[in-house]
């Protein structure tokens, strides 16, 4: 079952649980928050580069203690990943956050996860023809590193 967090839960209120609605358990079908690949109204249009502030809900791909995690944008839905490599207390930077955006960014994130020793599962997904440019083997992604005080 997928888990979700808000940007606030990940960056500010780190001891908070995932995004959850009690009514999601009232159904025998998987209930998801708004956004995601099956809801075109919440898809990012790629007219400009996405930033962390643009994302309200993240799907958790991996999360561990000490601020380590890998997340993908769910609302709005886009090829935009946030990699948190952990808390560094008593240093200039408390947390280092990398973002990976755009075409082929999923490949970059998978490689980065291997470097950090983070196990990520690979799943086959259905991609519409109009969105195939995001998965072609051409380096069009935009990677940034943010240091949070």
N, C-alpha and C. Protein backbone atom coordinates (compact mmCIF):
# COMPACT_ATOMS: atom_id res chain seq x y z
N UNK A 1 0.84 -1.17 0.00
CA UNK A 1 0.00 0.00 0.00
C UNK A 1 0.88 1.23 0.00
N UNK A 2 0.66 2.15 -0.92
CA UNK A 2 1.48 3.36 -0.97
C UNK A 2 1.22 4.25 0.24
N UNK A 3 2.27 4.96 0.64
CA UNK A 3 2.18 5.92 1.74
C UNK A 3 2.49 7.31 1.21
N UNK A 4 1.90 8.32 1.85
CA UNK A 4 2.04 9.68 1.37
C UNK A 4 2.35 10.62 2.53
N UNK A 5 3.07 11.69 2.24
CA UNK A 5 3.35 12.74 3.21
C UNK A 5 3.22 14.09 2.52
N UNK A 6 2.93 15.09 3.32
CA UNK A 6 2.93 16.45 2.79
C UNK A 6 4.34 17.01 2.89
N UNK A 7 4.59 18.10 2.18
CA UNK A 7 5.89 18.76 2.27
C UNK A 7 6.15 19.19 3.70
N UNK A 8 5.15 19.67 4.38
CA UNK A 8 5.28 20.08 5.78
C UNK A 8 5.71 18.91 6.67
N UNK A 9 5.12 17.72 6.44
CA UNK A 9 5.48 16.53 7.22
C UNK A 9 6.93 16.12 7.01
N UNK A 10 7.43 16.31 5.83
CA UNK A 10 8.79 15.87 5.51
C UNK A 10 9.84 16.86 6.00
N UNK A 11 9.59 18.15 5.81
CA UNK A 11 10.63 19.15 6.06
C UNK A 11 10.51 19.89 7.39
N UNK A 12 9.33 20.02 7.94
CA UNK A 12 9.17 20.83 9.15
C UNK A 12 8.75 20.02 10.37
N UNK A 13 7.71 19.21 10.24
CA UNK A 13 7.19 18.42 11.35
C UNK A 13 7.60 16.97 11.11
N UNK A 14 8.88 16.70 11.29
CA UNK A 14 9.44 15.43 10.85
C UNK A 14 9.00 14.24 11.69
N UNK A 15 8.48 14.47 12.88
CA UNK A 15 8.03 13.35 13.70
C UNK A 15 6.55 13.05 13.49
N UNK A 16 5.97 13.62 12.45
CA UNK A 16 4.56 13.42 12.15
C UNK A 16 4.39 12.20 11.26
N UNK A 17 3.23 11.59 11.33
CA UNK A 17 2.93 10.42 10.51
C UNK A 17 2.64 10.83 9.08
N UNK A 18 2.38 9.84 8.26
CA UNK A 18 2.07 10.08 6.86
C UNK A 18 0.69 10.72 6.72
N UNK A 19 0.44 11.24 5.53
CA UNK A 19 -0.87 11.81 5.20
C UNK A 19 -1.89 10.68 5.22
N UNK A 20 -2.96 10.84 5.98
CA UNK A 20 -3.92 9.76 6.10
C UNK A 20 -5.31 10.31 6.36
N UNK A 21 -6.28 9.68 5.77
CA UNK A 21 -7.68 10.02 5.99
C UNK A 21 -8.35 8.76 6.54
N UNK A 22 -8.98 8.86 7.71
CA UNK A 22 -9.59 7.67 8.33
C UNK A 22 -10.61 6.99 7.43
N UNK A 23 -11.27 7.74 6.57
CA UNK A 23 -12.28 7.17 5.68
C UNK A 23 -11.68 6.28 4.60
N UNK A 24 -10.37 6.36 4.36
CA UNK A 24 -9.75 5.51 3.35
C UNK A 24 -9.86 4.04 3.73
N UNK A 25 -10.02 3.75 4.99
CA UNK A 25 -10.13 2.35 5.42
C UNK A 25 -11.56 1.82 5.37
N UNK A 26 -12.51 2.67 4.97
CA UNK A 26 -13.91 2.27 4.91
C UNK A 26 -14.27 1.55 3.61
N UNK A 27 -13.31 1.33 2.76
CA UNK A 27 -13.57 0.72 1.46
C UNK A 27 -12.71 -0.52 1.30
N UNK A 28 -13.20 -1.44 0.47
CA UNK A 28 -12.39 -2.63 0.19
C UNK A 28 -11.49 -2.40 -1.02
N UNK A 29 -11.48 -1.19 -1.56
CA UNK A 29 -10.61 -0.82 -2.67
C UNK A 29 -9.57 0.17 -2.17
N UNK A 30 -8.43 0.20 -2.84
CA UNK A 30 -7.37 1.11 -2.49
C UNK A 30 -7.83 2.55 -2.69
N UNK A 31 -7.77 3.36 -1.65
CA UNK A 31 -8.15 4.76 -1.70
C UNK A 31 -6.89 5.61 -1.67
N UNK A 32 -6.76 6.52 -2.62
CA UNK A 32 -5.58 7.36 -2.73
C UNK A 32 -5.96 8.83 -2.60
N UNK A 33 -5.04 9.67 -2.15
CA UNK A 33 -5.33 11.10 -2.10
C UNK A 33 -5.42 11.66 -3.51
N UNK A 34 -5.94 12.88 -3.66
CA UNK A 34 -6.02 13.48 -5.00
C UNK A 34 -4.64 13.58 -5.62
N UNK A 35 -4.58 13.53 -6.93
CA UNK A 35 -3.31 13.58 -7.64
C UNK A 35 -3.03 12.24 -8.27
N UNK A 36 -1.79 12.01 -8.62
CA UNK A 36 -1.39 10.72 -9.17
C UNK A 36 -1.54 10.63 -10.66
N UNK A 37 -1.09 9.53 -11.23
CA UNK A 37 -1.05 9.38 -12.69
C UNK A 37 -2.41 9.22 -13.34
N UNK A 38 -3.40 8.80 -12.60
CA UNK A 38 -4.71 8.53 -13.20
C UNK A 38 -5.66 9.72 -13.16
N UNK A 39 -5.18 10.85 -12.71
CA UNK A 39 -6.03 12.02 -12.61
C UNK A 39 -5.40 13.19 -13.37
N UNK A 40 -5.76 13.36 -14.64
CA UNK A 40 -5.11 14.39 -15.48
C UNK A 40 -5.27 15.81 -14.94
N UNK A 41 -6.28 16.06 -14.13
CA UNK A 41 -6.48 17.41 -13.60
C UNK A 41 -5.35 17.83 -12.66
N UNK A 42 -4.62 16.85 -12.13
CA UNK A 42 -3.56 17.16 -11.17
C UNK A 42 -2.16 16.91 -11.73
N UNK A 43 -2.04 16.72 -13.03
CA UNK A 43 -0.72 16.48 -13.63
C UNK A 43 -0.01 17.82 -13.87
N UNK A 44 1.28 17.81 -13.66
CA UNK A 44 2.12 18.98 -13.91
C UNK A 44 2.26 19.16 -15.42
N UNK A 45 2.24 20.40 -15.89
CA UNK A 45 2.27 20.64 -17.34
C UNK A 45 3.67 20.87 -17.89
N UNK A 46 4.70 20.91 -17.06
CA UNK A 46 6.10 21.07 -17.46
C UNK A 46 6.35 22.38 -18.20
N UNK A 47 5.50 23.38 -18.00
CA UNK A 47 5.71 24.68 -18.63
C UNK A 47 6.85 25.45 -17.95
N UNK A 48 7.16 25.08 -16.73
CA UNK A 48 8.31 25.64 -16.01
C UNK A 48 8.86 24.57 -15.09
N UNK A 49 10.04 24.82 -14.57
CA UNK A 49 10.67 23.84 -13.69
C UNK A 49 9.94 23.79 -12.35
N UNK A 50 9.70 22.61 -11.87
CA UNK A 50 9.02 22.40 -10.59
C UNK A 50 9.99 22.63 -9.44
N UNK A 51 9.47 23.12 -8.32
CA UNK A 51 10.26 23.29 -7.10
C UNK A 51 9.55 22.56 -5.97
N UNK A 52 10.23 22.40 -4.86
CA UNK A 52 9.64 21.72 -3.70
C UNK A 52 8.36 22.43 -3.25
N UNK A 53 8.35 23.74 -3.32
CA UNK A 53 7.18 24.51 -2.88
C UNK A 53 5.95 24.26 -3.74
N UNK A 54 6.12 23.75 -4.94
CA UNK A 54 4.98 23.46 -5.83
C UNK A 54 4.25 22.19 -5.43
N UNK A 55 4.87 21.34 -4.63
CA UNK A 55 4.31 20.02 -4.32
C UNK A 55 3.60 20.05 -2.97
N UNK A 56 2.36 19.59 -2.97
CA UNK A 56 1.59 19.48 -1.72
C UNK A 56 1.70 18.09 -1.11
N UNK A 57 1.64 17.05 -1.95
CA UNK A 57 1.66 15.67 -1.47
C UNK A 57 2.75 14.90 -2.21
N UNK A 58 3.52 14.12 -1.43
CA UNK A 58 4.59 13.27 -1.96
C UNK A 58 4.25 11.81 -1.68
N UNK A 59 4.55 10.95 -2.64
CA UNK A 59 4.49 9.51 -2.38
C UNK A 59 5.84 9.10 -1.82
N UNK A 60 5.81 8.32 -0.75
CA UNK A 60 7.04 7.86 -0.11
C UNK A 60 7.56 6.64 -0.87
N UNK A 61 8.74 6.76 -1.46
CA UNK A 61 9.37 5.61 -2.11
C UNK A 61 10.24 4.86 -1.12
N UNK A 62 10.87 5.61 -0.22
CA UNK A 62 11.70 5.01 0.83
C UNK A 62 11.81 6.02 1.96
N UNK A 63 11.76 5.52 3.19
CA UNK A 63 11.91 6.41 4.34
C UNK A 63 12.53 5.64 5.49
N UNK A 64 13.50 6.28 6.15
CA UNK A 64 14.17 5.66 7.29
C UNK A 64 14.35 6.74 8.36
N UNK A 65 14.90 6.35 9.47
CA UNK A 65 15.12 7.31 10.55
C UNK A 65 16.23 8.29 10.18
N UNK A 66 16.40 9.30 11.00
CA UNK A 66 17.43 10.34 10.83
C UNK A 66 17.23 11.17 9.57
N UNK A 67 15.99 11.30 9.10
CA UNK A 67 15.70 12.18 7.98
C UNK A 67 16.07 11.65 6.61
N UNK A 68 16.27 10.36 6.48
CA UNK A 68 16.62 9.78 5.19
C UNK A 68 15.33 9.39 4.46
N UNK A 69 15.23 9.75 3.19
CA UNK A 69 14.04 9.38 2.43
C UNK A 69 14.13 9.74 0.97
N UNK A 70 13.33 9.06 0.17
CA UNK A 70 13.19 9.37 -1.24
C UNK A 70 11.69 9.49 -1.51
N UNK A 71 11.30 10.59 -2.14
CA UNK A 71 9.90 10.91 -2.36
C UNK A 71 9.71 11.33 -3.80
N UNK A 72 8.49 11.11 -4.33
CA UNK A 72 8.15 11.54 -5.68
C UNK A 72 6.86 12.37 -5.61
N UNK A 73 6.80 13.41 -6.43
CA UNK A 73 5.64 14.31 -6.43
C UNK A 73 4.37 13.56 -6.81
N UNK A 74 3.34 13.72 -5.98
CA UNK A 74 2.03 13.10 -6.22
C UNK A 74 0.98 14.16 -6.56
N UNK A 75 1.03 15.29 -5.86
CA UNK A 75 0.08 16.38 -6.11
C UNK A 75 0.83 17.70 -6.15
N UNK A 76 1.09 18.25 -7.32
CA UNK A 76 0.76 17.72 -8.64
C UNK A 76 1.68 16.56 -9.01
N UNK A 77 1.20 15.73 -9.92
CA UNK A 77 1.92 14.54 -10.33
C UNK A 77 2.93 14.91 -11.40
N UNK A 78 4.21 14.55 -11.16
CA UNK A 78 5.27 14.87 -12.12
C UNK A 78 6.48 13.99 -11.87
N UNK A 79 7.40 14.02 -12.82
CA UNK A 79 8.69 13.36 -12.64
C UNK A 79 9.57 14.33 -11.86
N UNK A 80 9.33 14.37 -10.55
CA UNK A 80 10.07 15.26 -9.66
C UNK A 80 10.31 14.50 -8.36
N UNK A 81 11.57 14.31 -8.04
CA UNK A 81 11.96 13.50 -6.89
C UNK A 81 12.71 14.34 -5.88
N UNK A 82 12.52 14.01 -4.62
CA UNK A 82 13.26 14.65 -3.53
C UNK A 82 14.00 13.54 -2.78
N UNK A 83 15.32 13.71 -2.68
CA UNK A 83 16.17 12.75 -1.98
C UNK A 83 16.73 13.46 -0.76
N UNK A 84 16.39 12.95 0.42
CA UNK A 84 16.88 13.51 1.68
C UNK A 84 17.90 12.53 2.24
N UNK A 85 19.13 12.99 2.37
CA UNK A 85 20.21 12.07 2.78
C UNK A 85 20.45 12.07 4.28
N UNK A 86 19.60 12.73 5.06
CA UNK A 86 19.69 12.62 6.51
C UNK A 86 19.93 13.94 7.22
N UNK A 87 19.76 13.90 8.54
CA UNK A 87 20.00 15.06 9.40
C UNK A 87 21.45 15.10 9.80
N UNK A 88 22.01 16.27 9.84
CA UNK A 88 23.40 16.46 10.26
C UNK A 88 23.43 17.48 11.38
N UNK A 89 23.14 17.06 12.63
CA UNK A 89 23.08 18.02 13.73
C UNK A 89 24.44 18.64 14.01
N UNK A 90 24.39 19.87 14.51
CA UNK A 90 25.59 20.63 14.89
C UNK A 90 26.51 20.91 13.71
N UNK A 91 25.94 21.04 12.55
CA UNK A 91 26.70 21.43 11.37
C UNK A 91 26.04 22.66 10.77
N UNK A 92 26.68 23.24 9.78
CA UNK A 92 26.10 24.41 9.11
C UNK A 92 24.78 24.03 8.46
N UNK A 93 24.74 22.87 7.85
CA UNK A 93 23.52 22.40 7.19
C UNK A 93 22.91 21.27 8.00
N UNK A 94 21.67 21.46 8.43
CA UNK A 94 20.99 20.41 9.18
C UNK A 94 20.52 19.27 8.28
N UNK A 95 20.14 19.60 7.06
CA UNK A 95 19.61 18.58 6.16
C UNK A 95 19.98 18.92 4.73
N UNK A 96 20.42 17.93 3.99
CA UNK A 96 20.74 18.14 2.58
C UNK A 96 19.66 17.46 1.75
N UNK A 97 19.08 18.23 0.84
CA UNK A 97 18.00 17.74 0.00
C UNK A 97 18.41 17.90 -1.45
N UNK A 98 18.29 16.82 -2.20
CA UNK A 98 18.54 16.86 -3.64
C UNK A 98 17.19 16.74 -4.34
N UNK A 99 17.03 17.47 -5.43
CA UNK A 99 15.83 17.30 -6.25
C UNK A 99 16.27 16.89 -7.65
N UNK A 100 15.46 16.06 -8.26
CA UNK A 100 15.72 15.58 -9.62
C UNK A 100 14.42 15.75 -10.39
N UNK A 101 14.49 16.44 -11.53
CA UNK A 101 13.29 16.84 -12.25
C UNK A 101 13.42 16.53 -13.73
N UNK A 102 12.33 16.11 -14.31
CA UNK A 102 12.22 16.02 -15.75
C UNK A 102 12.54 14.66 -16.33
N UNK A 103 12.81 14.69 -17.63
CA UNK A 103 13.03 13.46 -18.38
C UNK A 103 14.21 12.68 -17.82
N UNK A 104 14.01 11.40 -17.66
CA UNK A 104 15.02 10.45 -17.21
C UNK A 104 15.46 10.67 -15.76
N UNK A 105 14.75 11.48 -15.01
CA UNK A 105 15.13 11.71 -13.61
C UNK A 105 14.99 10.46 -12.76
N UNK A 106 14.07 9.56 -13.12
CA UNK A 106 13.92 8.33 -12.36
C UNK A 106 15.19 7.49 -12.41
N UNK A 107 15.90 7.51 -13.53
CA UNK A 107 17.16 6.78 -13.64
C UNK A 107 18.22 7.39 -12.74
N UNK A 108 18.28 8.72 -12.70
CA UNK A 108 19.24 9.42 -11.85
C UNK A 108 18.97 9.13 -10.39
N UNK A 109 17.71 9.12 -9.99
CA UNK A 109 17.36 8.85 -8.59
C UNK A 109 17.71 7.42 -8.22
N UNK A 110 17.46 6.48 -9.10
CA UNK A 110 17.79 5.08 -8.82
C UNK A 110 19.30 4.93 -8.61
N UNK A 111 20.11 5.58 -9.44
CA UNK A 111 21.56 5.53 -9.28
C UNK A 111 21.99 6.18 -7.97
N UNK A 112 21.38 7.29 -7.62
CA UNK A 112 21.71 7.99 -6.37
C UNK A 112 21.33 7.12 -5.17
N UNK A 113 20.22 6.44 -5.24
CA UNK A 113 19.80 5.55 -4.15
C UNK A 113 20.84 4.44 -3.95
N UNK A 114 21.34 3.90 -5.03
CA UNK A 114 22.38 2.86 -4.92
C UNK A 114 23.63 3.42 -4.25
N UNK A 115 24.00 4.66 -4.59
CA UNK A 115 25.17 5.29 -3.97
C UNK A 115 24.98 5.44 -2.46
N UNK A 116 23.76 5.76 -2.05
CA UNK A 116 23.45 5.97 -0.63
C UNK A 116 23.13 4.67 0.10
N UNK A 117 23.09 3.55 -0.63
CA UNK A 117 22.77 2.27 -0.01
C UNK A 117 21.29 2.11 0.31
N UNK A 118 20.45 2.82 -0.43
CA UNK A 118 19.00 2.78 -0.21
C UNK A 118 18.39 1.80 -1.20
N UNK A 119 17.67 0.79 -0.72
CA UNK A 119 17.04 -0.17 -1.64
C UNK A 119 15.75 0.41 -2.22
N UNK A 120 15.70 0.53 -3.52
CA UNK A 120 14.48 0.96 -4.20
C UNK A 120 13.99 -0.17 -5.08
N UNK A 121 12.70 -0.38 -5.08
CA UNK A 121 12.10 -1.41 -5.92
C UNK A 121 11.76 -0.81 -7.28
N UNK A 122 11.93 -1.57 -8.31
CA UNK A 122 11.61 -1.14 -9.66
C UNK A 122 10.34 -1.86 -10.09
N UNK A 123 9.40 -1.08 -10.60
CA UNK A 123 8.13 -1.65 -11.06
C UNK A 123 7.87 -1.20 -12.48
N UNK A 124 7.24 -2.05 -13.26
CA UNK A 124 6.82 -1.66 -14.59
C UNK A 124 5.54 -0.84 -14.46
N UNK A 125 5.48 0.23 -15.23
CA UNK A 125 4.28 1.08 -15.23
C UNK A 125 3.83 1.31 -16.66
N UNK A 126 2.57 1.65 -16.81
CA UNK A 126 2.04 2.00 -18.12
C UNK A 126 2.24 3.48 -18.33
N UNK A 127 2.79 3.84 -19.49
CA UNK A 127 3.02 5.24 -19.82
C UNK A 127 2.31 5.55 -21.13
N UNK A 128 1.49 6.60 -21.12
CA UNK A 128 0.83 7.02 -22.35
C UNK A 128 1.86 7.51 -23.36
N UNK A 129 1.55 7.36 -24.64
CA UNK A 129 2.48 7.77 -25.70
C UNK A 129 2.89 9.23 -25.57
N UNK A 130 1.97 10.08 -25.19
CA UNK A 130 2.28 11.51 -25.08
C UNK A 130 3.26 11.83 -23.94
N UNK A 131 3.42 10.90 -23.00
CA UNK A 131 4.34 11.12 -21.88
C UNK A 131 5.65 10.34 -22.01
N UNK A 132 5.85 9.66 -23.12
CA UNK A 132 7.05 8.84 -23.29
C UNK A 132 8.34 9.65 -23.29
N UNK A 133 8.27 10.93 -23.62
CA UNK A 133 9.48 11.76 -23.63
C UNK A 133 10.13 11.83 -22.25
N UNK A 134 9.36 11.57 -21.20
CA UNK A 134 9.90 11.61 -19.84
C UNK A 134 10.75 10.39 -19.52
N UNK A 135 10.65 9.34 -20.31
CA UNK A 135 11.31 8.08 -20.02
C UNK A 135 12.33 7.67 -21.08
N UNK A 136 12.55 8.49 -22.08
CA UNK A 136 13.54 8.18 -23.11
C UNK A 136 14.94 8.36 -22.55
N UNK A 137 15.89 7.73 -23.16
CA UNK A 137 17.27 7.77 -22.70
C UNK A 137 17.98 9.04 -23.15
N UNK A 138 17.40 10.19 -22.86
CA UNK A 138 18.05 11.45 -23.18
C UNK A 138 18.17 12.27 -21.90
N UNK A 139 19.34 12.81 -21.62
CA UNK A 139 19.53 13.55 -20.38
C UNK A 139 18.90 14.93 -20.43
N UNK A 140 17.68 15.06 -19.95
CA UNK A 140 16.99 16.35 -19.91
C UNK A 140 16.57 16.70 -18.49
N UNK A 141 17.10 15.99 -17.52
CA UNK A 141 16.64 16.25 -16.16
C UNK A 141 17.40 17.42 -15.55
N UNK A 142 16.84 17.98 -14.53
CA UNK A 142 17.42 19.10 -13.81
C UNK A 142 17.59 18.66 -12.37
N UNK A 143 18.85 18.64 -11.90
CA UNK A 143 19.14 18.22 -10.54
C UNK A 143 19.64 19.42 -9.75
N UNK A 144 19.18 19.54 -8.51
CA UNK A 144 19.66 20.60 -7.63
C UNK A 144 19.88 20.03 -6.24
N UNK A 145 20.72 20.70 -5.49
CA UNK A 145 20.94 20.35 -4.10
C UNK A 145 20.60 21.56 -3.25
N UNK A 146 19.81 21.33 -2.20
CA UNK A 146 19.39 22.40 -1.31
C UNK A 146 19.90 22.07 0.08
N UNK A 147 20.45 23.05 0.75
CA UNK A 147 20.92 22.84 2.13
C UNK A 147 20.00 23.63 3.03
N UNK A 148 19.29 22.93 3.92
CA UNK A 148 18.38 23.59 4.85
C UNK A 148 19.11 23.91 6.15
N UNK A 149 19.00 25.15 6.62
CA UNK A 149 19.62 25.49 7.91
C UNK A 149 18.82 24.97 9.07
